[in-house]
N, C-alpha and C. Protein backbone atom coordinates (compact mmCIF):
# COMPACT_ATOMS: atom_id res chain seq x y z
N SER A 1 0.84 -1.19 0.00
CA SER A 1 0.00 0.00 0.00
C SER A 1 0.87 1.24 0.00
N ALA A 2 0.30 2.37 -0.33
CA ALA A 2 1.03 3.63 -0.35
C ALA A 2 1.54 3.98 1.04
N PHE A 3 0.72 3.74 2.08
CA PHE A 3 1.15 4.04 3.44
C PHE A 3 2.30 3.14 3.87
N GLY A 4 2.31 1.92 3.37
CA GLY A 4 3.34 0.97 3.76
C GLY A 4 4.75 1.42 3.41
N SER A 5 4.90 2.26 2.41
CA SER A 5 6.22 2.74 2.03
C SER A 5 6.56 4.08 2.66
N ALA A 6 5.70 4.62 3.50
CA ALA A 6 5.96 5.89 4.18
C ALA A 6 7.10 5.72 5.17
N PRO A 7 8.01 6.70 5.27
CA PRO A 7 9.22 6.54 6.08
C PRO A 7 9.01 6.78 7.57
N LEU A 8 8.29 5.89 8.25
CA LEU A 8 8.17 5.95 9.71
C LEU A 8 9.45 5.38 10.33
N THR A 9 9.72 5.74 11.56
CA THR A 9 10.91 5.21 12.22
C THR A 9 10.79 3.70 12.37
N SER A 10 11.92 3.02 12.39
CA SER A 10 11.91 1.55 12.40
C SER A 10 11.65 0.95 13.77
N ASP A 11 11.76 1.74 14.85
CA ASP A 11 11.59 1.16 16.18
C ASP A 11 10.13 1.16 16.65
N ALA A 12 9.23 1.54 15.83
CA ALA A 12 7.78 1.51 16.09
C ALA A 12 7.34 2.48 17.17
N SER A 13 8.20 3.40 17.61
CA SER A 13 7.77 4.39 18.60
C SER A 13 7.00 5.53 17.92
N GLU A 14 7.27 5.75 16.65
CA GLU A 14 6.58 6.81 15.91
C GLU A 14 5.26 6.27 15.35
N LYS A 15 4.20 6.98 15.62
CA LYS A 15 2.87 6.55 15.17
C LYS A 15 2.20 7.68 14.42
N VAL A 16 1.33 7.33 13.50
CA VAL A 16 0.52 8.31 12.77
C VAL A 16 -0.55 8.84 13.72
N ILE A 17 -0.76 10.14 13.72
CA ILE A 17 -1.77 10.77 14.58
C ILE A 17 -3.13 10.61 13.92
N ASP A 18 -4.04 10.00 14.65
CA ASP A 18 -5.40 9.78 14.17
C ASP A 18 -6.03 11.11 13.76
N GLY A 19 -6.61 11.15 12.58
CA GLY A 19 -7.29 12.34 12.10
C GLY A 19 -6.40 13.39 11.48
N SER A 20 -5.09 13.11 11.37
CA SER A 20 -4.18 14.13 10.84
C SER A 20 -4.01 14.06 9.32
N ALA A 21 -4.48 13.02 8.67
CA ALA A 21 -4.26 12.88 7.23
C ALA A 21 -5.05 13.93 6.46
N PHE A 22 -4.40 14.47 5.42
CA PHE A 22 -5.05 15.43 4.53
C PHE A 22 -4.72 15.03 3.10
N PHE A 23 -5.75 14.97 2.25
CA PHE A 23 -5.61 14.56 0.86
C PHE A 23 -5.99 15.73 -0.05
N LEU A 24 -5.23 15.90 -1.13
CA LEU A 24 -5.55 16.89 -2.16
C LEU A 24 -5.08 16.33 -3.50
N LEU A 25 -6.05 15.94 -4.33
CA LEU A 25 -5.76 15.30 -5.61
C LEU A 25 -4.82 14.11 -5.39
N ASP A 26 -3.61 14.11 -5.96
CA ASP A 26 -2.69 12.98 -5.82
C ASP A 26 -1.79 13.07 -4.60
N ALA A 27 -1.94 14.12 -3.81
CA ALA A 27 -1.05 14.35 -2.66
C ALA A 27 -1.70 13.91 -1.35
N ILE A 28 -0.83 13.53 -0.41
CA ILE A 28 -1.27 13.17 0.94
C ILE A 28 -0.22 13.67 1.94
N TRP A 29 -0.71 14.13 3.08
CA TRP A 29 0.14 14.53 4.20
C TRP A 29 -0.45 13.89 5.45
N PHE A 30 0.40 13.48 6.38
CA PHE A 30 -0.09 13.08 7.69
C PHE A 30 0.99 13.34 8.73
N ALA A 31 0.54 13.54 9.97
CA ALA A 31 1.43 13.89 11.07
C ALA A 31 1.72 12.66 11.91
N THR A 32 2.87 12.72 12.61
CA THR A 32 3.25 11.62 13.48
C THR A 32 3.49 12.12 14.91
N THR A 33 3.64 11.18 15.81
CA THR A 33 3.87 11.49 17.22
C THR A 33 5.27 12.04 17.47
N GLU A 34 6.12 12.08 16.46
CA GLU A 34 7.47 12.63 16.58
C GLU A 34 7.56 14.04 16.01
N GLU A 35 6.44 14.78 15.96
CA GLU A 35 6.34 16.14 15.42
C GLU A 35 6.75 16.22 13.95
N ARG A 36 6.59 15.09 13.24
CA ARG A 36 6.93 15.07 11.82
C ARG A 36 5.68 15.08 10.97
N VAL A 37 5.85 15.56 9.72
CA VAL A 37 4.82 15.47 8.69
C VAL A 37 5.41 14.68 7.54
N LEU A 38 4.75 13.58 7.19
CA LEU A 38 5.16 12.78 6.04
C LEU A 38 4.24 13.13 4.89
N TYR A 39 4.81 13.21 3.68
CA TYR A 39 4.00 13.65 2.54
C TYR A 39 4.44 12.98 1.25
N SER A 40 3.49 12.89 0.35
CA SER A 40 3.73 12.38 -0.99
C SER A 40 2.83 13.15 -1.94
N THR A 41 3.37 13.55 -3.08
CA THR A 41 2.56 14.25 -4.08
C THR A 41 2.21 13.35 -5.26
N ASN A 42 2.58 12.06 -5.15
CA ASN A 42 2.31 11.14 -6.27
C ASN A 42 1.71 9.82 -5.77
N ARG A 43 0.72 9.95 -4.92
CA ARG A 43 -0.03 8.79 -4.41
C ARG A 43 0.83 7.76 -3.69
N GLY A 44 1.87 8.23 -2.99
CA GLY A 44 2.67 7.34 -2.18
C GLY A 44 3.82 6.65 -2.89
N GLN A 45 4.10 7.03 -4.14
CA GLN A 45 5.23 6.42 -4.84
C GLN A 45 6.56 6.85 -4.23
N GLN A 46 6.68 8.15 -3.89
CA GLN A 46 7.85 8.68 -3.19
C GLN A 46 7.35 9.50 -2.01
N TRP A 47 8.16 9.50 -0.94
CA TRP A 47 7.78 10.19 0.29
C TRP A 47 8.86 11.17 0.72
N GLY A 48 8.42 12.24 1.35
CA GLY A 48 9.32 13.19 1.98
C GLY A 48 8.83 13.44 3.40
N SER A 49 9.63 14.15 4.17
CA SER A 49 9.20 14.46 5.53
C SER A 49 9.73 15.81 5.96
N GLY A 50 9.02 16.42 6.88
CA GLY A 50 9.43 17.66 7.50
C GLY A 50 9.11 17.58 8.98
N LYS A 51 9.74 18.46 9.76
CA LYS A 51 9.56 18.40 11.21
C LYS A 51 9.15 19.76 11.74
N LEU A 52 8.19 19.73 12.66
CA LEU A 52 7.84 20.93 13.42
C LEU A 52 8.82 21.01 14.57
N ASN A 53 9.62 22.04 14.61
CA ASN A 53 10.66 22.15 15.63
C ASN A 53 10.12 22.77 16.91
N VAL A 54 9.12 22.12 17.49
CA VAL A 54 8.57 22.49 18.79
C VAL A 54 8.57 21.21 19.62
N THR A 55 9.48 21.12 20.57
CA THR A 55 9.62 19.91 21.37
C THR A 55 8.33 19.59 22.11
N ASN A 56 7.92 18.35 22.04
CA ASN A 56 6.71 17.83 22.70
C ASN A 56 5.40 18.38 22.16
N ALA A 57 5.42 19.02 21.00
CA ALA A 57 4.18 19.51 20.40
C ALA A 57 3.29 18.34 20.00
N VAL A 58 1.99 18.58 19.96
CA VAL A 58 1.02 17.58 19.53
C VAL A 58 0.29 18.15 18.32
N ILE A 59 0.52 17.56 17.18
CA ILE A 59 -0.10 18.03 15.94
C ILE A 59 -1.54 17.53 15.91
N LYS A 60 -2.49 18.45 15.66
CA LYS A 60 -3.91 18.11 15.65
C LYS A 60 -4.44 17.90 14.23
N SER A 61 -4.08 18.78 13.30
CA SER A 61 -4.59 18.63 11.93
C SER A 61 -3.72 19.40 10.96
N LEU A 62 -3.82 19.02 9.67
CA LEU A 62 -3.08 19.63 8.58
C LEU A 62 -4.05 20.04 7.49
N ALA A 63 -3.71 21.07 6.73
CA ALA A 63 -4.52 21.48 5.59
C ALA A 63 -3.63 22.13 4.54
N PHE A 64 -3.85 21.79 3.28
CA PHE A 64 -3.08 22.36 2.17
C PHE A 64 -4.04 22.92 1.13
N LYS A 65 -3.74 24.13 0.65
CA LYS A 65 -4.57 24.70 -0.42
C LYS A 65 -4.01 24.36 -1.80
N ASP A 66 -2.74 23.93 -1.84
CA ASP A 66 -2.11 23.41 -3.05
C ASP A 66 -0.95 22.53 -2.59
N ASN A 67 -0.13 22.06 -3.50
CA ASN A 67 0.94 21.14 -3.11
C ASN A 67 2.06 21.80 -2.33
N ASN A 68 2.09 23.12 -2.25
CA ASN A 68 3.16 23.82 -1.54
C ASN A 68 2.71 24.47 -0.24
N ASN A 69 1.57 25.13 -0.25
CA ASN A 69 1.13 25.98 0.85
C ASN A 69 0.18 25.26 1.79
N GLY A 70 0.66 25.08 3.02
CA GLY A 70 -0.15 24.37 4.00
C GLY A 70 -0.02 24.97 5.38
N ILE A 71 -0.96 24.58 6.25
CA ILE A 71 -0.93 25.01 7.64
C ILE A 71 -1.16 23.81 8.55
N MET A 72 -0.80 24.00 9.80
CA MET A 72 -0.90 22.96 10.80
C MET A 72 -1.50 23.57 12.06
N LEU A 73 -2.46 22.87 12.67
CA LEU A 73 -2.94 23.22 13.99
C LEU A 73 -2.25 22.29 14.97
N TYR A 74 -1.59 22.86 15.98
CA TYR A 74 -0.90 22.03 16.96
C TYR A 74 -1.05 22.62 18.36
N ARG A 75 -0.82 21.78 19.35
CA ARG A 75 -0.75 22.23 20.74
C ARG A 75 0.72 22.22 21.14
N THR A 76 1.10 23.16 22.00
CA THR A 76 2.51 23.33 22.34
C THR A 76 3.06 22.21 23.22
N SER A 77 2.18 21.39 23.80
CA SER A 77 2.59 20.21 24.56
C SER A 77 1.39 19.28 24.69
N ALA A 78 1.57 18.16 25.38
CA ALA A 78 0.48 17.21 25.57
C ALA A 78 -0.40 17.57 26.76
N ALA A 79 -0.07 18.62 27.49
CA ALA A 79 -0.89 19.02 28.64
C ALA A 79 -2.29 19.42 28.18
N SER A 80 -3.29 19.11 28.98
CA SER A 80 -4.68 19.38 28.59
C SER A 80 -4.97 20.87 28.44
N ASN A 81 -4.16 21.72 29.05
CA ASN A 81 -4.37 23.17 28.92
C ASN A 81 -3.33 23.83 28.03
N ALA A 82 -2.58 23.04 27.27
CA ALA A 82 -1.55 23.59 26.38
C ALA A 82 -2.19 24.45 25.30
N PRO A 83 -1.60 25.61 25.01
CA PRO A 83 -2.19 26.48 23.99
C PRO A 83 -2.09 25.90 22.58
N TYR A 84 -3.04 26.29 21.76
CA TYR A 84 -3.03 25.93 20.34
C TYR A 84 -2.23 26.98 19.57
N ARG A 85 -1.61 26.55 18.49
CA ARG A 85 -0.90 27.46 17.60
C ARG A 85 -1.08 26.98 16.16
N ILE A 86 -0.80 27.89 15.24
CA ILE A 86 -0.80 27.58 13.81
C ILE A 86 0.64 27.65 13.32
N ALA A 87 1.06 26.65 12.54
CA ALA A 87 2.35 26.65 11.84
C ALA A 87 2.05 26.65 10.34
N SER A 88 3.04 27.03 9.53
CA SER A 88 2.81 27.05 8.09
C SER A 88 4.03 26.55 7.33
N THR A 89 3.78 26.12 6.10
CA THR A 89 4.83 25.70 5.19
C THR A 89 4.55 26.28 3.81
N GLN A 90 5.61 26.58 3.08
CA GLN A 90 5.48 27.03 1.70
C GLN A 90 6.20 26.10 0.74
N ASN A 91 6.69 24.97 1.28
CA ASN A 91 7.42 24.02 0.42
C ASN A 91 6.86 22.60 0.57
N GLY A 92 5.56 22.51 0.70
CA GLY A 92 4.90 21.21 0.69
C GLY A 92 5.02 20.39 1.96
N GLY A 93 5.58 20.99 3.01
CA GLY A 93 5.74 20.27 4.27
C GLY A 93 7.17 19.90 4.59
N ALA A 94 8.13 20.26 3.73
CA ALA A 94 9.54 19.93 3.98
C ALA A 94 10.07 20.70 5.19
N SER A 95 9.60 21.93 5.39
CA SER A 95 9.98 22.71 6.57
C SER A 95 8.75 23.48 7.05
N TRP A 96 8.73 23.75 8.35
CA TRP A 96 7.56 24.38 8.98
C TRP A 96 7.99 25.58 9.82
N GLN A 97 7.25 26.66 9.69
CA GLN A 97 7.45 27.83 10.55
C GLN A 97 6.43 27.74 11.68
N SER A 98 6.91 27.62 12.91
CA SER A 98 6.01 27.48 14.04
C SER A 98 5.49 28.83 14.51
N ASP A 99 4.42 28.79 15.30
CA ASP A 99 3.87 29.98 15.97
C ASP A 99 3.57 31.13 15.01
N VAL A 100 2.97 30.80 13.86
CA VAL A 100 2.57 31.82 12.90
C VAL A 100 1.37 32.61 13.41
N PHE A 101 0.49 31.93 14.18
CA PHE A 101 -0.72 32.58 14.68
C PHE A 101 -1.18 31.90 15.95
N ASP A 102 -1.76 32.69 16.84
CA ASP A 102 -2.33 32.20 18.10
C ASP A 102 -3.86 32.25 17.98
N PRO A 103 -4.53 31.10 17.80
CA PRO A 103 -5.98 31.09 17.61
C PRO A 103 -6.77 31.65 18.80
N SER A 104 -6.17 31.69 19.99
CA SER A 104 -6.91 32.22 21.14
C SER A 104 -7.25 33.70 20.96
N THR A 105 -6.52 34.39 20.07
CA THR A 105 -6.83 35.81 19.83
C THR A 105 -8.17 35.98 19.13
N LEU A 106 -8.71 34.91 18.56
CA LEU A 106 -10.03 34.96 17.92
C LEU A 106 -11.15 34.71 18.93
N GLY A 107 -10.79 34.31 20.15
CA GLY A 107 -11.80 34.02 21.16
C GLY A 107 -12.50 32.68 20.96
N ILE A 108 -11.81 31.73 20.30
CA ILE A 108 -12.41 30.42 20.05
C ILE A 108 -11.47 29.32 20.55
N THR A 109 -12.02 28.13 20.71
CA THR A 109 -11.21 26.94 20.92
C THR A 109 -11.15 26.23 19.58
N PRO A 110 -9.98 26.17 18.95
CA PRO A 110 -9.91 25.57 17.62
C PRO A 110 -10.11 24.06 17.65
N LEU A 111 -10.74 23.57 16.62
CA LEU A 111 -10.98 22.13 16.47
C LEU A 111 -10.09 21.55 15.38
N VAL A 112 -10.09 22.21 14.21
CA VAL A 112 -9.42 21.64 13.05
C VAL A 112 -9.12 22.75 12.04
N VAL A 113 -8.05 22.55 11.25
CA VAL A 113 -7.82 23.36 10.06
C VAL A 113 -8.13 22.49 8.86
N HIS A 114 -8.57 23.14 7.79
CA HIS A 114 -8.91 22.39 6.58
C HIS A 114 -8.80 23.31 5.38
N SER A 115 -8.91 22.75 4.20
CA SER A 115 -8.96 23.51 2.96
C SER A 115 -9.69 22.67 1.92
N SER A 116 -10.39 23.36 1.06
CA SER A 116 -11.06 22.66 -0.03
C SER A 116 -10.18 22.61 -1.27
N GLY A 117 -8.95 23.12 -1.14
CA GLY A 117 -8.07 23.19 -2.30
C GLY A 117 -8.26 24.46 -3.09
N ASN A 118 -9.11 25.35 -2.59
CA ASN A 118 -9.26 26.66 -3.21
C ASN A 118 -8.13 27.55 -2.73
N LYS A 119 -8.30 28.83 -2.77
CA LYS A 119 -7.20 29.74 -2.47
C LYS A 119 -7.12 30.13 -1.00
N HIS A 120 -7.69 29.33 -0.12
CA HIS A 120 -7.65 29.70 1.30
C HIS A 120 -7.71 28.45 2.19
N HIS A 121 -7.40 28.67 3.45
CA HIS A 121 -7.54 27.66 4.49
C HIS A 121 -8.67 28.09 5.42
N VAL A 122 -9.25 27.14 6.13
CA VAL A 122 -10.25 27.47 7.14
C VAL A 122 -9.81 26.91 8.49
N LEU A 123 -10.20 27.63 9.53
CA LEU A 123 -10.00 27.23 10.92
C LEU A 123 -11.39 27.12 11.51
N ILE A 124 -11.74 25.95 12.03
CA ILE A 124 -13.09 25.72 12.55
C ILE A 124 -12.99 25.50 14.05
N GLY A 125 -13.82 26.24 14.79
CA GLY A 125 -13.82 26.15 16.24
C GLY A 125 -14.78 25.09 16.75
N THR A 126 -14.64 24.75 18.03
CA THR A 126 -15.46 23.70 18.63
C THR A 126 -16.92 24.10 18.77
N LYS A 127 -17.24 25.37 18.60
CA LYS A 127 -18.64 25.84 18.66
C LYS A 127 -19.17 26.18 17.26
N GLY A 128 -18.45 25.77 16.22
CA GLY A 128 -18.92 25.97 14.85
C GLY A 128 -18.48 27.27 14.22
N GLU A 129 -17.58 28.01 14.86
CA GLU A 129 -17.07 29.23 14.26
C GLU A 129 -16.16 28.85 13.09
N VAL A 130 -16.18 29.65 12.02
CA VAL A 130 -15.38 29.38 10.83
C VAL A 130 -14.63 30.64 10.45
N TYR A 131 -13.32 30.53 10.32
CA TYR A 131 -12.47 31.66 9.91
C TYR A 131 -11.68 31.25 8.69
N GLY A 132 -11.35 32.21 7.82
CA GLY A 132 -10.60 31.94 6.61
C GLY A 132 -9.30 32.71 6.58
N SER A 133 -8.29 32.11 5.95
CA SER A 133 -6.99 32.76 5.77
C SER A 133 -6.51 32.52 4.36
N ASP A 134 -6.06 33.59 3.71
CA ASP A 134 -5.49 33.43 2.37
C ASP A 134 -3.99 33.72 2.36
N ASN A 135 -3.38 33.81 3.56
CA ASN A 135 -1.93 34.03 3.61
C ASN A 135 -1.25 33.01 4.54
N ASN A 136 -1.61 31.76 4.36
CA ASN A 136 -1.00 30.64 5.09
C ASN A 136 -1.09 30.79 6.60
N GLY A 137 -2.24 31.25 7.08
CA GLY A 137 -2.51 31.24 8.51
C GLY A 137 -2.00 32.41 9.30
N LYS A 138 -1.42 33.41 8.66
CA LYS A 138 -0.92 34.58 9.41
C LYS A 138 -2.06 35.46 9.88
N ASP A 139 -3.07 35.63 9.05
CA ASP A 139 -4.23 36.47 9.38
C ASP A 139 -5.50 35.68 9.09
N TRP A 140 -6.52 35.92 9.91
CA TRP A 140 -7.79 35.19 9.78
C TRP A 140 -8.96 36.18 9.75
N GLN A 141 -9.89 35.95 8.82
CA GLN A 141 -11.10 36.77 8.71
C GLN A 141 -12.31 35.90 9.02
N PRO A 142 -13.31 36.48 9.68
CA PRO A 142 -14.49 35.68 10.02
C PRO A 142 -15.31 35.31 8.79
N ILE A 143 -15.69 34.05 8.72
CA ILE A 143 -16.68 33.58 7.76
C ILE A 143 -17.99 33.37 8.52
N LEU A 144 -17.89 32.74 9.67
CA LEU A 144 -19.00 32.59 10.60
C LEU A 144 -18.40 32.74 12.00
N SER A 145 -18.51 33.95 12.56
CA SER A 145 -17.80 34.24 13.80
C SER A 145 -18.61 33.96 15.06
N ARG A 146 -19.89 33.71 14.92
CA ARG A 146 -20.72 33.42 16.09
C ARG A 146 -20.83 31.92 16.28
N PRO A 147 -20.95 31.47 17.53
CA PRO A 147 -21.13 30.04 17.77
C PRO A 147 -22.38 29.50 17.08
N ALA A 148 -22.26 28.33 16.48
CA ALA A 148 -23.38 27.73 15.76
C ALA A 148 -23.80 26.40 16.37
N GLY A 149 -23.11 25.95 17.40
CA GLY A 149 -23.41 24.66 18.02
C GLY A 149 -22.13 23.85 18.20
N ASP A 150 -22.18 22.89 19.08
CA ASP A 150 -21.01 22.06 19.35
C ASP A 150 -20.62 21.25 18.12
N VAL A 151 -19.32 21.23 17.81
CA VAL A 151 -18.81 20.55 16.63
C VAL A 151 -17.74 19.56 17.07
N ASN A 152 -17.84 18.32 16.58
CA ASN A 152 -16.84 17.28 16.87
C ASN A 152 -15.92 17.02 15.70
N GLY A 153 -16.35 17.34 14.50
CA GLY A 153 -15.56 17.12 13.31
C GLY A 153 -16.01 18.04 12.20
N ALA A 154 -15.10 18.38 11.28
CA ALA A 154 -15.45 19.30 10.20
C ALA A 154 -14.48 19.15 9.04
N ILE A 155 -14.95 19.45 7.84
CA ILE A 155 -14.12 19.51 6.64
C ILE A 155 -14.60 20.66 5.77
N ALA A 156 -13.74 21.08 4.85
CA ALA A 156 -14.12 22.06 3.83
C ALA A 156 -14.08 21.36 2.48
N VAL A 157 -15.07 21.64 1.65
CA VAL A 157 -15.15 21.00 0.33
C VAL A 157 -15.48 22.05 -0.72
N SER A 158 -15.08 21.78 -1.96
CA SER A 158 -15.45 22.65 -3.07
C SER A 158 -16.85 22.32 -3.53
N THR A 159 -17.60 23.36 -3.87
CA THR A 159 -18.94 23.19 -4.41
C THR A 159 -19.05 24.00 -5.69
N GLN A 160 -20.13 23.83 -6.42
CA GLN A 160 -20.31 24.62 -7.64
C GLN A 160 -20.40 26.11 -7.33
N GLY A 161 -20.92 26.45 -6.17
CA GLY A 161 -21.08 27.86 -5.81
C GLY A 161 -19.92 28.44 -5.05
N GLY A 162 -18.87 27.68 -4.79
CA GLY A 162 -17.73 28.18 -4.04
C GLY A 162 -17.18 27.13 -3.11
N THR A 163 -17.32 27.35 -1.82
CA THR A 163 -16.79 26.44 -0.81
C THR A 163 -17.86 26.18 0.23
N ALA A 164 -17.77 25.02 0.87
CA ALA A 164 -18.69 24.69 1.95
C ALA A 164 -17.91 24.08 3.10
N ALA A 165 -18.34 24.39 4.30
CA ALA A 165 -17.81 23.73 5.50
C ALA A 165 -18.90 22.78 5.99
N ILE A 166 -18.53 21.53 6.15
CA ILE A 166 -19.46 20.53 6.68
C ILE A 166 -19.03 20.26 8.12
N MET A 167 -19.94 20.50 9.06
CA MET A 167 -19.62 20.34 10.48
C MET A 167 -20.54 19.31 11.09
N VAL A 168 -19.97 18.48 11.96
CA VAL A 168 -20.73 17.41 12.59
C VAL A 168 -20.59 17.54 14.10
N GLY A 169 -21.72 17.45 14.79
CA GLY A 169 -21.77 17.46 16.25
C GLY A 169 -23.00 16.68 16.66
N PHE A 170 -23.82 17.27 17.52
CA PHE A 170 -25.10 16.67 17.84
C PHE A 170 -25.96 16.59 16.58
N ARG A 171 -25.81 17.63 15.76
CA ARG A 171 -26.44 17.67 14.44
C ARG A 171 -25.38 17.95 13.40
N SER A 172 -25.70 17.68 12.15
CA SER A 172 -24.81 18.00 11.05
C SER A 172 -25.24 19.31 10.43
N SER A 173 -24.28 20.08 9.95
CA SER A 173 -24.63 21.34 9.30
C SER A 173 -23.73 21.56 8.10
N LEU A 174 -24.21 22.37 7.18
CA LEU A 174 -23.49 22.72 5.96
C LEU A 174 -23.52 24.23 5.84
N LEU A 175 -22.35 24.84 5.74
CA LEU A 175 -22.23 26.28 5.55
C LEU A 175 -21.60 26.51 4.19
N GLN A 176 -22.39 27.00 3.23
CA GLN A 176 -21.85 27.35 1.92
C GLN A 176 -21.49 28.82 1.94
N TYR A 177 -20.33 29.15 1.38
CA TYR A 177 -19.89 30.54 1.39
C TYR A 177 -18.95 30.80 0.22
N ARG A 178 -18.79 32.08 -0.07
CA ARG A 178 -17.80 32.53 -1.04
C ARG A 178 -16.77 33.32 -0.26
N TYR A 179 -15.53 32.94 -0.36
CA TYR A 179 -14.48 33.61 0.39
C TYR A 179 -13.60 34.38 -0.57
N SER A 180 -13.43 35.66 -0.32
CA SER A 180 -12.62 36.48 -1.19
C SER A 180 -11.51 37.20 -0.44
N GLY A 181 -11.22 36.78 0.77
CA GLY A 181 -10.11 37.35 1.51
C GLY A 181 -10.46 38.65 2.19
N PRO A 182 -9.47 39.26 2.84
CA PRO A 182 -9.75 40.45 3.64
C PRO A 182 -10.12 41.68 2.83
N ASN A 183 -9.73 41.74 1.57
CA ASN A 183 -10.03 42.93 0.77
C ASN A 183 -10.94 42.65 -0.41
N GLY A 184 -11.48 41.45 -0.49
CA GLY A 184 -12.27 41.06 -1.64
C GLY A 184 -13.66 41.66 -1.68
N SER A 185 -14.25 41.91 -0.55
CA SER A 185 -15.59 42.49 -0.53
C SER A 185 -15.72 43.35 0.71
N ARG A 186 -16.49 44.38 0.59
CA ARG A 186 -16.72 45.28 1.69
C ARG A 186 -18.21 45.45 1.89
N ILE A 187 -18.62 45.54 3.13
CA ILE A 187 -20.02 45.83 3.46
C ILE A 187 -20.17 47.33 3.53
N LEU A 188 -21.23 47.84 2.94
CA LEU A 188 -21.48 49.28 2.94
C LEU A 188 -21.55 49.79 4.37
N GLN A 189 -20.75 50.81 4.67
CA GLN A 189 -20.81 51.48 5.96
C GLN A 189 -21.12 52.93 5.71
N VAL A 190 -22.03 53.46 6.46
CA VAL A 190 -22.44 54.85 6.30
C VAL A 190 -22.11 55.58 7.58
N ALA A 191 -21.37 56.70 7.47
CA ALA A 191 -20.97 57.45 8.66
C ALA A 191 -22.03 58.45 9.09
N SER A 192 -23.05 58.62 8.30
CA SER A 192 -24.08 59.59 8.65
C SER A 192 -25.44 58.92 8.56
N ASP A 193 -26.48 59.64 9.00
CA ASP A 193 -27.83 59.09 8.95
C ASP A 193 -28.47 59.19 7.56
N THR A 194 -27.84 59.94 6.66
CA THR A 194 -28.42 60.11 5.33
C THR A 194 -27.40 59.75 4.27
N VAL A 195 -27.91 59.29 3.14
CA VAL A 195 -27.07 58.96 2.01
C VAL A 195 -27.58 59.75 0.82
N SER A 196 -26.68 60.48 0.13
CA SER A 196 -27.06 61.25 -1.04
C SER A 196 -26.77 60.43 -2.27
N TYR A 197 -27.78 60.21 -3.09
CA TYR A 197 -27.60 59.47 -4.34
C TYR A 197 -27.30 60.41 -5.51
N GLY A 198 -27.08 61.69 -5.20
CA GLY A 198 -26.58 62.67 -6.11
C GLY A 198 -27.43 63.14 -7.16
């Protein structure tokens, strides 16, 4: 199998982290208990690896918008109160920049990062909040900033109308949206009580 040729350590101490696999066309990435990311862009024929240089970090999820640009949600240690952070890569996972963003600044508990393979990544919170980033996780804009319900799992998928986030908890939900980044669309703001149409 393709996984069988992945370069895990030979002493069996390194294990694949459940739920960390991310697929995009012919590419696959997954995280291990040794703070590594193993990847293949040709369905497992050849493998490469990169390491998150944060000792004792726990990788939670990976997301790639193309074969080069990806992000990682991780905790800084295995402690139950360890903070979450976002790391990023621009070379397909060969190297990772840690601590690119602190999700706690959004006022959410992050659950997962994902991408539909479009031009952005999403960060989904445990209460159904959805944020988007088009610069590899450095900045995040709200897509759905209010809690929508408890979420246990989520993915982003491409649709004919744009992108959708599918979230599962007590109930399942589907959020379809068009994401155009921080400067793609503006909501009309009026500084006065009247508007002159000239």
